[in-house]
């Protein structure tokens, strides 16, 4: 066994590191909870842009009112409670929010939901908070929620609702019967890596995890990784658990993933191929050493699978998603 493993750091937001940990860390994934994870993390809309619907930036001139729909979970699982926030601003470039009195949202699965609040009172939230409707999706696949009706305090007429939408991809939750299944061992899982393209200096790799055994098993959490050169020697590796997503893949909250024989799960990996900071003055091969293989450690495991994968992460830093069911890239 090697004397060191990949450095593991904290969550990132939109591919930007929020806090770098230090010290050596095992490639084993985080310990799973005693029970299945609940609803996706809630991010109350603010003045900053969201992937599931943009909020207005400060500055600019006010134009016609603009309505926004924000989802708390771009990739929820069936049964998760998703919060959809309806907001209205004075214009696309205006910082002034308008209080929403009522809103109706077509949820994209045959259901609708409405919310309302008074226009005056002593304990009202700020107009920026908008109105929230909640829904638990029960069917998997892509859905698009759309604001279909809205009234605002002190304003007459109906604003343009064309762009007030949020698209989500609903993943299947593990069935209740899988709660007694053992964790997947490395010997059970066949791991493969496939390139998925690039964008603005970011490269994506999809790792597929197939249950090649005859036994049911399950996984929860983030994988561990160690980059290896062509001779199998370890390269500097920093693994970042992208709890808030990354440029190329959406945020997803870890859930149990049930794998029957032949079933597949996956996780997304992103890395940068442009040297930054002090790396920019180094030879490219030094700043972004080429890995020919990756040592993959399943969540809660301590043994490893070595997978062919050509990549050259600058600084040895890679961002990973938690394991999810299926083998489709988590589009942001």
C-alpha atoms as a PDB file:
ATOM      1  CA  UNK A   1       0.000   0.000   0.000  1.00  0.00           C
ATOM      2  CA  UNK A   2       1.250   3.442  -0.779  1.00  0.00           C
ATOM      3  CA  UNK A   3       2.358   5.646   2.083  1.00  0.00           C
ATOM      4  CA  UNK A   4       0.099   8.534   1.085  1.00  0.00           C
ATOM      5  CA  UNK A   5      -3.203   9.201  -0.602  1.00  0.00           C
ATOM      6  CA  UNK A   6      -4.983  12.048  -2.295  1.00  0.00           C
ATOM      7  CA  UNK A   7      -5.495  15.292  -0.429  1.00  0.00           C
ATOM      8  CA  UNK A   8      -9.225  15.880   0.087  1.00  0.00           C
ATOM      9  CA  UNK A   9     -10.651  19.393   0.346  1.00  0.00           C
ATOM     10  CA  UNK A  10     -14.002  20.967   1.041  1.00  0.00           C
ATOM     11  CA  UNK A  11     -16.936  21.839  -1.185  1.00  0.00           C
ATOM     12  CA  UNK A  12     -16.763  24.184  -4.154  1.00  0.00           C
ATOM     13  CA  UNK A  13     -19.256  26.607  -5.623  1.00  0.00           C
ATOM     14  CA  UNK A  14     -19.502  26.729  -9.407  1.00  0.00           C
ATOM     15  CA  UNK A  15     -16.077  25.115  -9.702  1.00  0.00           C
ATOM     16  CA  UNK A  16     -14.351  27.651  -7.413  1.00  0.00           C
ATOM     17  CA  UNK A  17     -12.769  26.275  -4.279  1.00  0.00           C
ATOM     18  CA  UNK A  18     -14.488  27.528  -1.152  1.00  0.00           C
ATOM     19  CA  UNK A  19     -11.866  26.281   1.275  1.00  0.00           C
ATOM     20  CA  UNK A  20      -8.806  24.127   0.760  1.00  0.00           C
ATOM     21  CA  UNK A  21      -8.034  21.614   3.451  1.00  0.00           C
ATOM     22  CA  UNK A  22      -4.495  20.557   4.119  1.00  0.00           C
ATOM     23  CA  UNK A  23      -2.820  17.406   5.266  1.00  0.00           C
ATOM     24  CA  UNK A  24      -2.957  13.862   3.930  1.00  0.00           C
ATOM     25  CA  UNK A  25      -6.202  11.997   3.607  1.00  0.00           C
ATOM     26  CA  UNK A  26      -7.263   8.519   2.594  1.00  0.00           C
ATOM     27  CA  UNK A  27      -8.999   8.110  -0.760  1.00  0.00           C
ATOM     28  CA  UNK A  28     -11.860   6.341   0.985  1.00  0.00           C
ATOM     29  CA  UNK A  29     -15.187   8.162   0.552  1.00  0.00           C
ATOM     30  CA  UNK A  30     -17.032   9.710   3.466  1.00  0.00           C
ATOM     31  CA  UNK A  31     -18.838   7.447   5.877  1.00  0.00           C
ATOM     32  CA  UNK A  32     -22.480   7.124   4.979  1.00  0.00           C
ATOM     33  CA  UNK A  33     -25.292   8.144   7.314  1.00  0.00           C
ATOM     34  CA  UNK A  34     -27.369   5.667   9.235  1.00  0.00           C
ATOM     35  CA  UNK A  35     -30.424   6.575   7.159  1.00  0.00           C
ATOM     36  CA  UNK A  36     -31.059   7.688   3.622  1.00  0.00           C
ATOM     37  CA  UNK A  37     -30.374  11.356   2.949  1.00  0.00           C
ATOM     38  CA  UNK A  38     -33.425  13.611   2.833  1.00  0.00           C
ATOM     39  CA  UNK A  39     -34.308  16.511   0.594  1.00  0.00           C
ATOM     40  CA  UNK A  40     -31.823  18.456  -1.459  1.00  0.00           C
ATOM     41  CA  UNK A  41     -30.016  21.400   0.054  1.00  0.00           C
ATOM     42  CA  UNK A  42     -31.930  24.645  -0.095  1.00  0.00           C
ATOM     43  CA  UNK A  43     -30.275  27.753  -1.458  1.00  0.00           C
ATOM     44  CA  UNK A  44     -32.495  30.798  -1.032  1.00  0.00           C
ATOM     45  CA  UNK A  45     -32.199  33.006  -4.100  1.00  0.00           C
ATOM     46  CA  UNK A  46     -30.152  36.134  -3.735  1.00  0.00           C
ATOM     47  CA  UNK A  47     -28.746  38.714  -6.084  1.00  0.00           C
ATOM     48  CA  UNK A  48     -26.238  36.242  -7.478  1.00  0.00           C
ATOM     49  CA  UNK A  49     -26.888  34.093 -10.516  1.00  0.00           C
ATOM     50  CA  UNK A  50     -28.226  30.574 -10.076  1.00  0.00           C
ATOM     51  CA  UNK A  51     -27.911  27.712 -12.591  1.00  0.00           C
ATOM     52  CA  UNK A  52     -31.622  26.960 -12.368  1.00  0.00           C
ATOM     53  CA  UNK A  53     -32.686  30.516 -13.205  1.00  0.00           C
ATOM     54  CA  UNK A  54     -30.837  33.822 -13.164  1.00  0.00           C
ATOM     55  CA  UNK A  55     -31.379  36.595 -10.649  1.00  0.00           C
ATOM     56  CA  UNK A  56     -30.791  40.239 -11.574  1.00  0.00           C
ATOM     57  CA  UNK A  57     -27.385  41.769 -11.114  1.00  0.00           C
ATOM     58  CA  UNK A  58     -26.799  45.109  -9.454  1.00  0.00           C
ATOM     59  CA  UNK A  59     -26.505  48.142 -11.712  1.00  0.00           C
ATOM     60  CA  UNK A  60     -28.009  48.780 -15.112  1.00  0.00           C
ATOM     61  CA  UNK A  61     -31.220  50.548 -15.944  1.00  0.00           C
ATOM     62  CA  UNK A  62     -34.664  49.389 -15.069  1.00  0.00           C
ATOM     63  CA  UNK A  63     -36.737  47.981 -17.890  1.00  0.00           C
ATOM     64  CA  UNK A  64     -39.875  45.876 -17.940  1.00  0.00           C
ATOM     65  CA  UNK A  65     -40.418  43.579 -14.960  1.00  0.00           C
ATOM     66  CA  UNK A  66     -38.626  40.225 -15.100  1.00  0.00           C
ATOM     67  CA  UNK A  67     -39.826  37.073 -13.336  1.00  0.00           C
ATOM     68  CA  UNK A  68     -37.441  34.350 -12.147  1.00  0.00           C
ATOM     69  CA  UNK A  69     -37.952  30.784 -10.957  1.00  0.00           C
ATOM     70  CA  UNK A  70     -35.233  29.234  -8.785  1.00  0.00           C
ATOM     71  CA  UNK A  71     -34.988  25.540  -7.841  1.00  0.00           C
ATOM     72  CA  UNK A  72     -33.330  24.428  -4.607  1.00  0.00           C
ATOM     73  CA  UNK A  73     -32.193  21.188  -6.267  1.00  0.00           C
ATOM     74  CA  UNK A  74     -31.331  20.977  -9.988  1.00  0.00           C
ATOM     75  CA  UNK A  75     -30.887  17.205  -9.551  1.00  0.00           C
ATOM     76  CA  UNK A  76     -33.362  15.961  -6.923  1.00  0.00           C
ATOM     77  CA  UNK A  77     -34.262  12.361  -6.216  1.00  0.00           C
ATOM     78  CA  UNK A  78     -37.786  11.000  -6.192  1.00  0.00           C
ATOM     79  CA  UNK A  79     -39.455  11.859  -2.901  1.00  0.00           C
ATOM     80  CA  UNK A  80     -37.175  14.816  -2.142  1.00  0.00           C
ATOM     81  CA  UNK A  81     -38.971  18.041  -1.299  1.00  0.00           C
ATOM     82  CA  UNK A  82     -37.904  20.641  -3.867  1.00  0.00           C
ATOM     83  CA  UNK A  83     -38.391  24.331  -3.123  1.00  0.00           C
ATOM     84  CA  UNK A  84     -39.230  26.497  -6.134  1.00  0.00           C
ATOM     85  CA  UNK A  85     -38.879  30.228  -5.484  1.00  0.00           C
ATOM     86  CA  UNK A  86     -40.691  32.803  -7.614  1.00  0.00           C
ATOM     87  CA  UNK A  87     -39.150  36.289  -7.717  1.00  0.00           C
ATOM     88  CA  UNK A  88     -39.776  39.461  -9.676  1.00  0.00           C
ATOM     89  CA  UNK A  89     -37.383  42.335 -10.361  1.00  0.00           C
ATOM     90  CA  UNK A  90     -37.942  45.785 -11.801  1.00  0.00           C
ATOM     91  CA  UNK A  91     -35.778  44.939 -14.824  1.00  0.00           C
ATOM     92  CA  UNK A  92     -33.125  42.552 -16.077  1.00  0.00           C
ATOM     93  CA  UNK A  93     -30.329  44.873 -14.951  1.00  0.00           C
ATOM     94  CA  UNK A  94     -32.093  46.374 -11.934  1.00  0.00           C
ATOM     95  CA  UNK A  95     -31.235  45.598  -8.308  1.00  0.00           C
ATOM     96  CA  UNK A  96     -34.754  46.453  -7.079  1.00  0.00           C
ATOM     97  CA  UNK A  97     -36.983  43.519  -6.191  1.00  0.00           C
ATOM     98  CA  UNK A  98     -40.772  43.665  -6.338  1.00  0.00           C
ATOM     99  CA  UNK A  99     -42.910  41.889  -3.736  1.00  0.00           C
ATOM    100  CA  UNK A 100     -44.831  38.978  -5.228  1.00  0.00           C
ATOM    101  CA  UNK A 101     -48.385  38.638  -3.892  1.00  0.00           C
ATOM    102  CA  UNK A 102     -49.319  35.307  -5.506  1.00  0.00           C
ATOM    103  CA  UNK A 103     -47.913  32.822  -7.976  1.00  0.00           C
ATOM    104  CA  UNK A 104     -48.905  29.587  -9.671  1.00  0.00           C
ATOM    105  CA  UNK A 105     -46.290  27.130 -10.933  1.00  0.00           C
ATOM    106  CA  UNK A 106     -46.849  24.300 -13.404  1.00  0.00           C
ATOM    107  CA  UNK A 107     -44.482  21.695 -11.968  1.00  0.00           C
ATOM    108  CA  UNK A 108     -43.772  19.741 -15.147  1.00  0.00           C
ATOM    109  CA  UNK A 109     -45.191  16.403 -14.000  1.00  0.00           C
ATOM    110  CA  UNK A 110     -48.891  17.080 -14.410  1.00  0.00           C
ATOM    111  CA  UNK A 111     -49.231  18.955 -11.115  1.00  0.00           C
ATOM    112  CA  UNK A 112     -49.471  22.647 -10.245  1.00  0.00           C
ATOM    113  CA  UNK A 113     -48.864  24.510  -7.005  1.00  0.00           C
ATOM    114  CA  UNK A 114     -49.676  28.021  -5.787  1.00  0.00           C
ATOM    115  CA  UNK A 115     -48.515  30.319  -3.007  1.00  0.00           C
ATOM    116  CA  UNK A 116     -49.513  33.772  -1.758  1.00  0.00           C
ATOM    117  CA  UNK A 117     -48.708  36.270   0.987  1.00  0.00           C
ATOM    118  CA  UNK A 118     -50.068  39.662   2.081  1.00  0.00           C
ATOM    119  CA  UNK A 119     -48.624  42.841   0.668  1.00  0.00           C
ATOM    120  CA  UNK A 120     -48.450  44.642   4.007  1.00  0.00           C
ATOM    121  CA  UNK A 121     -47.566  43.593   7.528  1.00  0.00           C
ATOM    122  CA  UNK A 122     -44.991  43.956  10.256  1.00  0.00           C
ATOM    123  CA  UNK A 123     -43.097  40.664   9.802  1.00  0.00           C
ATOM    124  CA  UNK A 124     -42.996  40.081   6.069  1.00  0.00           C
ATOM    125  CA  UNK A 125     -39.803  38.739   4.486  1.00  0.00           C
ATOM    126  CA  UNK A 126     -37.925  40.978   2.062  1.00  0.00           C
ATOM    127  CA  UNK A 127     -39.270  41.113  -1.523  1.00  0.00           C
ATOM    128  CA  UNK A 128     -36.053  39.406  -2.602  1.00  0.00           C
ATOM    129  CA  UNK A 129     -37.177  36.238  -0.786  1.00  0.00           C
ATOM    130  CA  UNK A 130     -40.015  35.775  -3.277  1.00  0.00           C
ATOM    131  CA  UNK A 131     -42.713  33.152  -2.884  1.00  0.00           C
ATOM    132  CA  UNK A 132     -41.901  29.472  -2.359  1.00  0.00           C
ATOM    133  CA  UNK A 133     -43.857  26.451  -3.520  1.00  0.00           C
ATOM    134  CA  UNK A 134     -42.768  22.956  -2.496  1.00  0.00           C
ATOM    135  CA  UNK A 135     -43.145  19.708  -4.371  1.00  0.00           C
ATOM    136  CA  UNK A 136     -41.863  16.125  -4.166  1.00  0.00           C
ATOM    137  CA  UNK A 137     -41.403  14.619  -7.618  1.00  0.00           C
ATOM    138  CA  UNK A 138     -42.332  10.955  -7.904  1.00  0.00           C
ATOM    139  CA  UNK A 139     -41.339  10.265 -11.522  1.00  0.00           C
ATOM    140  CA  UNK A 140     -37.800  10.219 -12.881  1.00  0.00           C
ATOM    141  CA  UNK A 141     -36.502  12.109 -15.883  1.00  0.00           C
ATOM    142  CA  UNK A 142     -36.196  15.707 -17.031  1.00  0.00           C
ATOM    143  CA  UNK A 143     -38.923  18.114 -15.897  1.00  0.00           C
ATOM    144  CA  UNK A 144     -39.380  21.833 -16.448  1.00  0.00           C
ATOM    145  CA  UNK A 145     -41.319  23.902 -13.929  1.00  0.00           C
ATOM    146  CA  UNK A 146     -42.917  27.091 -15.295  1.00  0.00           C
ATOM    147  CA  UNK A 147     -44.564  30.081 -13.643  1.00  0.00           C
ATOM    148  CA  UNK A 148     -48.008  30.363 -15.261  1.00  0.00           C
ATOM    149  CA  UNK A 149     -49.613  33.167 -13.240  1.00  0.00           C
ATOM    150  CA  UNK A 150     -48.311  35.919 -10.979  1.00  0.00           C
ATOM    151  CA  UNK A 151     -49.556  39.049  -9.225  1.00  0.00           C
ATOM    152  CA  UNK A 152     -47.354  41.645  -7.542  1.00  0.00           C
ATOM    153  CA  UNK A 153     -48.037  44.157  -4.833  1.00  0.00           C
ATOM    154  CA  UNK A 154     -48.952  47.616  -6.140  1.00  0.00           C
ATOM    155  CA  UNK A 155     -48.631  46.688  -9.817  1.00  0.00           C
ATOM    156  CA  UNK A 156     -51.290  46.047 -12.417  1.00  0.00           C
ATOM    157  CA  UNK A 157     -51.063  43.784 -15.428  1.00  0.00           C
ATOM    158  CA  UNK A 158     -49.366  40.469 -16.121  1.00  0.00           C
ATOM    159  CA  UNK A 159     -45.565  40.410 -16.558  1.00  0.00           C
ATOM    160  CA  UNK A 160     -43.865  38.314 -19.237  1.00  0.00           C
ATOM    161  CA  UNK A 161     -43.554  34.779 -17.830  1.00  0.00           C
ATOM    162  CA  UNK A 162     -41.808  33.231 -20.842  1.00  0.00           C
ATOM    163  CA  UNK A 163     -38.432  32.836 -19.163  1.00  0.00           C
ATOM    164  CA  UNK A 164     -39.712  32.033 -15.665  1.00  0.00           C
ATOM    165  CA  UNK A 165     -38.770  28.347 -15.769  1.00  0.00           C
ATOM    166  CA  UNK A 166     -36.459  25.896 -14.022  1.00  0.00           C
ATOM    167  CA  UNK A 167     -35.335  22.587 -15.505  1.00  0.00           C
ATOM    168  CA  UNK A 168     -34.471  19.657 -13.255  1.00  0.00           C
ATOM    169  CA  UNK A 169     -33.428  16.055 -13.735  1.00  0.00           C
ATOM    170  CA  UNK A 170     -35.134  13.750 -11.234  1.00  0.00           C
ATOM    171  CA  UNK A 171     -33.147  10.647 -10.262  1.00  0.00           C
ATOM    172  CA  UNK A 172     -34.616   7.452  -8.765  1.00  0.00           C
ATOM    173  CA  UNK A 173     -34.311   7.025  -5.010  1.00  0.00           C
ATOM    174  CA  UNK A 174     -33.118   3.656  -3.775  1.00  0.00           C
ATOM    175  CA  UNK A 175     -36.033   1.298  -3.038  1.00  0.00           C
ATOM    176  CA  UNK A 176     -36.839   0.662   0.616  1.00  0.00           C
ATOM    177  CA  UNK A 177     -35.903  -3.011   0.226  1.00  0.00           C
ATOM    178  CA  UNK A 178     -32.296  -2.027  -0.522  1.00  0.00           C
ATOM    179  CA  UNK A 179     -31.787  -0.710   3.018  1.00  0.00           C
ATOM    180  CA  UNK A 180     -30.561  -4.147   4.052  1.00  0.00           C
ATOM    181  CA  UNK A 181     -28.188  -4.583   1.121  1.00  0.00           C
ATOM    182  CA  UNK A 182     -24.461  -4.573   1.895  1.00  0.00           C
ATOM    183  CA  UNK A 183     -22.134  -1.875   0.625  1.00  0.00           C
ATOM    184  CA  UNK A 184     -20.616  -2.593  -2.762  1.00  0.00           C
ATOM    185  CA  UNK A 185     -17.113  -3.986  -2.571  1.00  0.00           C
ATOM    186  CA  UNK A 186     -14.413  -3.104  -5.054  1.00  0.00           C
ATOM    187  CA  UNK A 187     -14.371  -6.680  -6.364  1.00  0.00           C
ATOM    188  CA  UNK A 188     -18.058  -6.354  -7.303  1.00  0.00           C
ATOM    189  CA  UNK A 189     -17.798  -3.147  -9.302  1.00  0.00           C
ATOM    190  CA  UNK A 190     -16.421  -2.727 -12.813  1.00  0.00           C
ATOM    191  CA  UNK A 191     -15.171   0.844 -13.223  1.00  0.00           C
ATOM    192  CA  UNK A 192     -14.710   2.575 -16.581  1.00  0.00           C
ATOM    193  CA  UNK A 193     -13.833   6.178 -17.484  1.00  0.00           C
ATOM    194  CA  UNK A 194     -15.100   8.064 -20.535  1.00  0.00           C
ATOM    195  CA  UNK A 195     -14.300  11.616 -21.628  1.00  0.00           C
ATOM    196  CA  UNK A 196     -17.365  13.860 -21.917  1.00  0.00           C
ATOM    197  CA  UNK A 197     -16.005  17.003 -23.561  1.00  0.00           C
ATOM    198  CA  UNK A 198     -14.735  20.363 -22.405  1.00  0.00           C
ATOM    199  CA  UNK A 199     -15.736  23.973 -21.879  1.00  0.00           C
ATOM    200  CA  UNK A 200     -13.770  27.153 -21.079  1.00  0.00           C
ATOM    201  CA  UNK A 201     -10.734  25.360 -19.710  1.00  0.00           C
ATOM    202  CA  UNK A 202     -12.723  22.626 -17.926  1.00  0.00           C
ATOM    203  CA  UNK A 203     -12.536  18.937 -18.902  1.00  0.00           C
ATOM    204  CA  UNK A 204     -15.135  16.351 -17.910  1.00  0.00           C
ATOM    205  CA  UNK A 205     -14.756  12.617 -17.320  1.00  0.00           C
ATOM    206  CA  UNK A 206     -17.632  10.243 -16.525  1.00  0.00           C
ATOM    207  CA  UNK A 207     -16.818   7.241 -14.327  1.00  0.00           C
ATOM    208  CA  UNK A 208     -19.308   4.390 -14.685  1.00  0.00           C
ATOM    209  CA  UNK A 209     -19.707   1.840 -11.885  1.00  0.00           C
ATOM    210  CA  UNK A 210     -21.295  -1.443 -13.001  1.00  0.00           C
ATOM    211  CA  UNK A 211     -22.285  -4.172 -10.572  1.00  0.00           C
ATOM    212  CA  UNK A 212     -20.548  -7.101 -12.263  1.00  0.00           C
ATOM    213  CA  UNK A 213     -21.401  -9.535  -9.463  1.00  0.00           C
ATOM    214  CA  UNK A 214     -24.474 -11.689  -8.836  1.00  0.00           C
ATOM    215  CA  UNK A 215     -25.266  -9.915  -5.550  1.00  0.00           C
ATOM    216  CA  UNK A 216     -27.245  -6.775  -4.755  1.00  0.00           C
ATOM    217  CA  UNK A 217     -25.262  -3.953  -3.181  1.00  0.00           C
ATOM    218  CA  UNK A 218     -25.447  -0.202  -2.587  1.00  0.00           C
ATOM    219  CA  UNK A 219     -23.238   2.888  -2.497  1.00  0.00           C
ATOM    220  CA  UNK A 220     -23.406   6.273  -0.785  1.00  0.00           C
ATOM    221  CA  UNK A 221     -21.207   9.344  -1.020  1.00  0.00           C
ATOM    222  CA  UNK A 222     -18.089  10.511  -2.814  1.00  0.00           C
ATOM    223  CA  UNK A 223     -15.334   8.376  -4.341  1.00  0.00           C
ATOM    224  CA  UNK A 224     -11.643   8.675  -3.596  1.00  0.00           C
ATOM    225  CA  UNK A 225      -9.091   9.103  -6.392  1.00  0.00           C
ATOM    226  CA  UNK A 226      -5.359   9.009  -6.937  1.00  0.00           C
ATOM    227  CA  UNK A 227      -3.761   9.974 -10.252  1.00  0.00           C
ATOM    228  CA  UNK A 228      -1.090   7.603 -11.608  1.00  0.00           C
ATOM    229  CA  UNK A 229       1.430   8.013 -14.406  1.00  0.00           C
ATOM    230  CA  UNK A 230       2.105   5.451 -17.131  1.00  0.00           C
ATOM    231  CA  UNK A 231       4.408   3.489 -14.791  1.00  0.00           C
ATOM    232  CA  UNK A 232       1.783   3.370 -12.051  1.00  0.00           C
ATOM    233  CA  UNK A 233       3.584   5.935  -9.895  1.00  0.00           C
ATOM    234  CA  UNK A 234       1.439   8.279  -7.833  1.00  0.00           C
ATOM    235  CA  UNK A 235       1.052  11.880  -8.981  1.00  0.00           C
ATOM    236  CA  UNK A 236       0.091  14.805  -6.734  1.00  0.00           C
ATOM    237  CA  UNK A 237      -3.699  14.626  -6.376  1.00  0.00           C
ATOM    238  CA  UNK A 238      -6.201  16.928  -4.692  1.00  0.00           C
ATOM    239  CA  UNK A 239      -9.796  15.672  -4.676  1.00  0.00           C
ATOM    240  CA  UNK A 240     -12.522  18.285  -4.141  1.00  0.00           C
ATOM    241  CA  UNK A 241     -16.019  17.130  -3.253  1.00  0.00           C
ATOM    242  CA  UNK A 242     -18.119  19.454  -5.383  1.00  0.00           C
ATOM    243  CA  UNK A 243     -21.117  19.697  -3.060  1.00  0.00           C
ATOM    244  CA  UNK A 244     -22.347  22.831  -4.868  1.00  0.00           C
ATOM    245  CA  UNK A 245     -21.649  21.482  -8.340  1.00  0.00           C
ATOM    246  CA  UNK A 246     -19.039  22.602 -10.837  1.00  0.00           C
ATOM    247  CA  UNK A 247     -18.890  24.354 -14.179  1.00  0.00           C
ATOM    248  CA  UNK A 248     -19.617  21.166 -16.119  1.00  0.00           C
ATOM    249  CA  UNK A 249     -21.920  19.308 -13.718  1.00  0.00           C
ATOM    250  CA  UNK A 250     -24.822  20.204 -11.462  1.00  0.00           C
ATOM    251  CA  UNK A 251     -24.996  20.053  -7.697  1.00  0.00           C
ATOM    252  CA  UNK A 252     -26.488  16.889  -6.243  1.00  0.00           C
ATOM    253  CA  UNK A 253     -26.985  15.819  -2.621  1.00  0.00           C
ATOM    254  CA  UNK A 254     -25.592  12.336  -1.832  1.00  0.00           C
ATOM    255  CA  UNK A 255     -28.228   9.583  -1.668  1.00  0.00           C
ATOM    256  CA  UNK A 256     -28.059   5.824  -1.396  1.00  0.00           C
ATOM    257  CA  UNK A 257     -27.617   4.212  -4.825  1.00  0.00           C
ATOM    258  CA  UNK A 258     -28.966   0.657  -5.119  1.00  0.00           C
ATOM    259  CA  UNK A 259     -27.215  -1.575  -7.670  1.00  0.00           C
ATOM    260  CA  UNK A 260     -28.740  -4.882  -8.635  1.00  0.00           C
ATOM    261  CA  UNK A 261     -26.567  -7.260 -10.694  1.00  0.00           C
ATOM    262  CA  UNK A 262     -25.827  -5.542 -14.017  1.00  0.00           C
ATOM    263  CA  UNK A 263     -27.057  -2.117 -12.838  1.00  0.00           C
ATOM    264  CA  UNK A 264     -24.849   0.954 -13.119  1.00  0.00           C
ATOM    265  CA  UNK A 265     -24.096   4.046 -11.105  1.00  0.00           C
ATOM    266  CA  UNK A 266     -21.655   6.812 -11.898  1.00  0.00           C
ATOM    267  CA  UNK A 267     -19.894   9.946 -10.757  1.00  0.00           C
ATOM    268  CA  UNK A 268     -18.714  13.015 -12.643  1.00  0.00           C
ATOM    269  CA  UNK A 269     -15.184  14.406 -12.563  1.00  0.00           C
ATOM    270  CA  UNK A 270     -14.015  17.831 -13.734  1.00  0.00           C
ATOM    271  CA  UNK A 271     -10.533  19.298 -13.921  1.00  0.00           C
ATOM    272  CA  UNK A 272      -8.895  22.416 -15.310  1.00  0.00           C
ATOM    273  CA  UNK A 273      -6.354  22.277 -18.143  1.00  0.00           C
ATOM    274  CA  UNK A 274      -5.170  25.911 -17.901  1.00  0.00           C
ATOM    275  CA  UNK A 275      -2.337  26.608 -15.432  1.00  0.00           C
ATOM    276  CA  UNK A 276      -3.153  29.420 -12.997  1.00  0.00           C
ATOM    277  CA  UNK A 277      -1.184  31.431 -10.455  1.00  0.00           C
ATOM    278  CA  UNK A 278       2.318  30.138  -9.862  1.00  0.00           C
ATOM    279  CA  UNK A 279       1.622  27.221 -12.237  1.00  0.00           C
ATOM    280  CA  UNK A 280       1.541  29.614 -15.189  1.00  0.00           C
ATOM    281  CA  UNK A 281       5.303  30.152 -14.950  1.00  0.00           C
ATOM    282  CA  UNK A 282       6.064  26.421 -14.940  1.00  0.00           C
ATOM    283  CA  UNK A 283       6.496  24.136 -17.941  1.00  0.00           C
ATOM    284  CA  UNK A 284       3.072  22.752 -18.856  1.00  0.00           C
ATOM    285  CA  UNK A 285       4.128  19.166 -18.146  1.00  0.00           C
ATOM    286  CA  UNK A 286       5.128  20.247 -14.633  1.00  0.00           C
ATOM    287  CA  UNK A 287       2.038  22.358 -13.913  1.00  0.00           C
ATOM    288  CA  UNK A 288      -0.349  19.802 -15.418  1.00  0.00           C
ATOM    289  CA  UNK A 289       1.282  16.357 -15.221  1.00  0.00           C
ATOM    290  CA  UNK A 290      -0.293  13.683 -17.403  1.00  0.00           C
ATOM    291  CA  UNK A 291      -2.020  10.765 -15.708  1.00  0.00           C
ATOM    292  CA  UNK A 292      -2.555   7.557 -17.669  1.00  0.00           C
ATOM    293  CA  UNK A 293      -4.439   5.762 -14.927  1.00  0.00           C
ATOM    294  CA  UNK A 294      -6.616   6.593 -11.943  1.00  0.00           C
ATOM    295  CA  UNK A 295      -6.856   4.657  -8.731  1.00  0.00           C
ATOM    296  CA  UNK A 296     -10.541   4.749  -7.751  1.00  0.00           C
ATOM    297  CA  UNK A 297     -11.729   4.062  -4.212  1.00  0.00           C
ATOM    298  CA  UNK A 298     -15.451   3.471  -3.743  1.00  0.00           C
ATOM    299  CA  UNK A 299     -17.212   5.327  -0.904  1.00  0.00           C
ATOM    300  CA  UNK A 300     -16.469   3.715   2.474  1.00  0.00           C
ATOM    301  CA  UNK A 301     -13.899   1.380   0.914  1.00  0.00           C
ATOM    302  CA  UNK A 302     -10.160   1.093   1.431  1.00  0.00           C
ATOM    303  CA  UNK A 303      -9.106  -1.075  -1.494  1.00  0.00           C
ATOM    304  CA  UNK A 304      -8.868   0.325  -4.994  1.00  0.00           C
ATOM    305  CA  UNK A 305      -9.533  -0.281  -8.668  1.00  0.00           C
ATOM    306  CA  UNK A 306      -7.018   1.022 -11.226  1.00  0.00           C
ATOM    307  CA  UNK A 307      -8.736   2.418 -14.304  1.00  0.00           C
ATOM    308  CA  UNK A 308      -7.161   3.583 -17.605  1.00  0.00           C
ATOM    309  CA  UNK A 309      -7.888   7.311 -17.956  1.00  0.00           C
ATOM    310  CA  UNK A 310      -5.815   9.892 -19.801  1.00  0.00           C
ATOM    311  CA  UNK A 311      -6.058  13.315 -18.141  1.00  0.00           C
ATOM    312  CA  UNK A 312      -3.766  16.168 -17.148  1.00  0.00           C
ATOM    313  CA  UNK A 313      -5.323  18.139 -14.264  1.00  0.00           C
ATOM    314  CA  UNK A 314      -3.413  21.333 -13.593  1.00  0.00           C
ATOM    315  CA  UNK A 315      -2.153  21.299 -10.030  1.00  0.00           C
ATOM    316  CA  UNK A 316      -3.440  17.734  -9.721  1.00  0.00           C
ATOM    317  CA  UNK A 317      -6.854  19.048  -8.644  1.00  0.00           C
ATOM    318  CA  UNK A 318     -10.026  17.217  -9.632  1.00  0.00           C
ATOM    319  CA  UNK A 319     -13.641  17.955  -8.667  1.00  0.00           C
ATOM    320  CA  UNK A 320     -16.001  15.014  -8.155  1.00  0.00           C
ATOM    321  CA  UNK A 321     -19.720  14.518  -7.687  1.00  0.00           C
ATOM    322  CA  UNK A 322     -21.209  11.931  -5.346  1.00  0.00           C
ATOM    323  CA  UNK A 323     -22.183   8.565  -6.801  1.00  0.00           C
ATOM    324  CA  UNK A 324     -25.597   8.666  -8.502  1.00  0.00           C
ATOM    325  CA  UNK A 325     -27.728   6.001 -10.220  1.00  0.00           C
ATOM    326  CA  UNK A 326     -27.414   5.581 -13.973  1.00  0.00           C
ATOM    327  CA  UNK A 327     -24.636   6.670 -16.308  1.00  0.00           C
ATOM    328  CA  UNK A 328     -25.823  10.037 -17.599  1.00  0.00           C
ATOM    329  CA  UNK A 329     -23.747  13.205 -17.116  1.00  0.00           C
ATOM    330  CA  UNK A 330     -25.232  15.594 -14.533  1.00  0.00           C
ATOM    331  CA  UNK A 331     -25.878  18.519 -16.852  1.00  0.00           C
ATOM    332  CA  UNK A 332     -25.796  21.897 -15.017  1.00  0.00           C
END
